Amino acid sequence: MCRNIKTLFNFHPPATTDEIYAASLQYVRKVSGFSKPSKANEDAINRAVEEVFIATQNLLNTLVTNAEPRNREVEAERAKARNAKRFGLENRD
């Protein structure tokens, strides 16, 4: 649905509140269709972002896994390689 929302679970160090808030904001923007809501919709959007933020934080706090935590730098390099392959940018620097 939203390619810009990143996986937040099972990383070391854990996701920050800023990362969780950014994902919540992106989700609400995508669902609502508003990147910048009107004054009439601003309160509803802000309330939705806060509710999604709380639900996401609760979810991340209750999930369990036996897998080793992922390394952010390694995952970023993998994503960069996937994007280079996807968009044909392998030989560019």
Protein backbone atom coordinates (compact mmCIF):
# COMPACT_ATOMS: atom_id res chain seq x y z
CA MET A 1 0.00 0.00 0.00
CA CYS A 2 2.52 2.61 1.12
CA ARG A 3 6.04 1.94 -0.05
CA ASN A 4 7.35 4.77 2.11
CA ILE A 5 6.25 3.15 5.36
CA LYS A 6 9.23 1.19 6.64
CA THR A 7 9.24 -1.96 8.74
CA LEU A 8 9.72 -0.91 12.35
CA PHE A 9 9.72 -4.22 14.21
CA ASN A 10 12.75 -6.22 15.32
CA PHE A 11 15.52 -3.71 14.79
CA HIS A 12 18.43 -2.85 17.03
CA PRO A 13 18.14 -0.18 18.24
CA PRO A 14 14.32 -0.28 18.36
CA ALA A 15 12.21 2.15 16.34
CA THR A 16 12.10 5.65 17.77
CA THR A 17 8.91 7.55 18.51
CA ASP A 18 9.78 9.84 15.59
CA GLU A 19 9.90 6.86 13.21
CA ILE A 20 6.59 5.53 14.54
CA TYR A 21 4.99 8.98 14.22
CA ALA A 22 6.30 9.38 10.64
CA ALA A 23 4.84 6.00 9.66
CA SER A 24 1.52 6.93 11.28
CA LEU A 25 1.41 10.26 9.47
CA GLN A 26 2.24 8.60 6.13
CA TYR A 27 -0.49 6.01 6.65
CA VAL A 28 -3.15 8.59 7.50
CA ARG A 29 -2.10 10.78 4.55
CA LYS A 30 -2.38 7.81 2.20
CA VAL A 31 -5.74 6.64 3.51
CA SER A 32 -7.26 10.13 3.61
CA GLY A 33 -5.77 11.37 0.36
CA PHE A 34 -4.60 14.57 2.06
CA SER A 35 -0.96 15.55 2.27
CA LYS A 36 -1.96 18.89 3.78
CA PRO A 37 -5.51 18.89 5.11
CA SER A 38 -7.78 21.90 5.11
CA LYS A 39 -8.52 23.70 8.37
CA ALA A 40 -11.88 21.91 8.44
CA ASN A 41 -10.17 18.49 8.39
CA GLU A 42 -7.03 19.31 10.36
CA ASP A 43 -8.36 18.16 13.76
CA ALA A 44 -9.67 14.88 12.36
CA ILE A 45 -6.37 14.15 10.62
CA ASN A 46 -4.30 15.02 13.71
CA ARG A 47 -6.53 12.85 15.90
CA ALA A 48 -6.24 9.94 13.44
CA VAL A 49 -2.44 10.25 13.34
CA GLU A 50 -2.32 10.17 17.14
CA GLU A 51 -4.60 7.12 17.30
CA VAL A 52 -2.58 5.25 14.66
CA PHE A 53 0.63 6.23 16.48
CA ILE A 54 -0.68 4.79 19.77
CA ALA A 55 -1.92 1.60 18.09
CA THR A 56 1.39 1.15 16.28
CA GLN A 57 3.42 1.72 19.43
CA ASN A 58 1.24 -0.78 21.32
CA LEU A 59 1.65 -3.31 18.51
CA LEU A 60 5.44 -2.96 18.45
CA ASN A 61 5.57 -3.26 22.24
CA THR A 62 3.62 -6.54 22.26
CA LEU A 63 5.07 -8.38 19.24
CA VAL A 64 7.52 -11.18 19.99
CA THR A 65 10.04 -13.01 17.85
CA ASN A 66 12.86 -15.50 18.22
CA ALA A 67 14.72 -13.97 15.27
CA GLU A 68 17.84 -11.92 15.80
CA PRO A 69 17.23 -8.15 15.58
CA ARG A 70 17.99 -6.68 12.18
CA ASN A 71 20.77 -4.18 11.66
CA ARG A 72 19.58 -0.85 10.23
CA GLU A 73 22.72 -0.25 8.17
CA VAL A 74 22.61 -3.73 6.59
CA GLU A 75 18.91 -3.34 5.76
CA ALA A 76 19.54 0.12 4.26
CA GLU A 77 22.26 -1.33 2.01
CA ARG A 78 19.95 -4.15 0.92
CA ALA A 79 17.20 -1.63 0.09
CA LYS A 80 19.69 0.48 -1.86
CA ALA A 81 20.75 -2.57 -3.88
CA ARG A 82 17.11 -3.53 -4.56
CA ASN A 83 16.33 -0.01 -5.74
CA ALA A 84 19.41 0.08 -7.96
CA LYS A 85 18.36 -3.19 -9.57
CA ARG A 86 14.74 -2.10 -9.85
CA PHE A 87 15.48 1.28 -11.42
CA GLY A 88 18.59 0.27 -13.36
CA LEU A 89 21.04 2.37 -11.36
CA GLU A 90 23.67 -0.33 -10.65
CA ASN A 91 26.57 1.51 -12.28
CA ARG A 92 25.86 5.03 -11.05
CA ASP A 93 27.63 6.72 -8.13
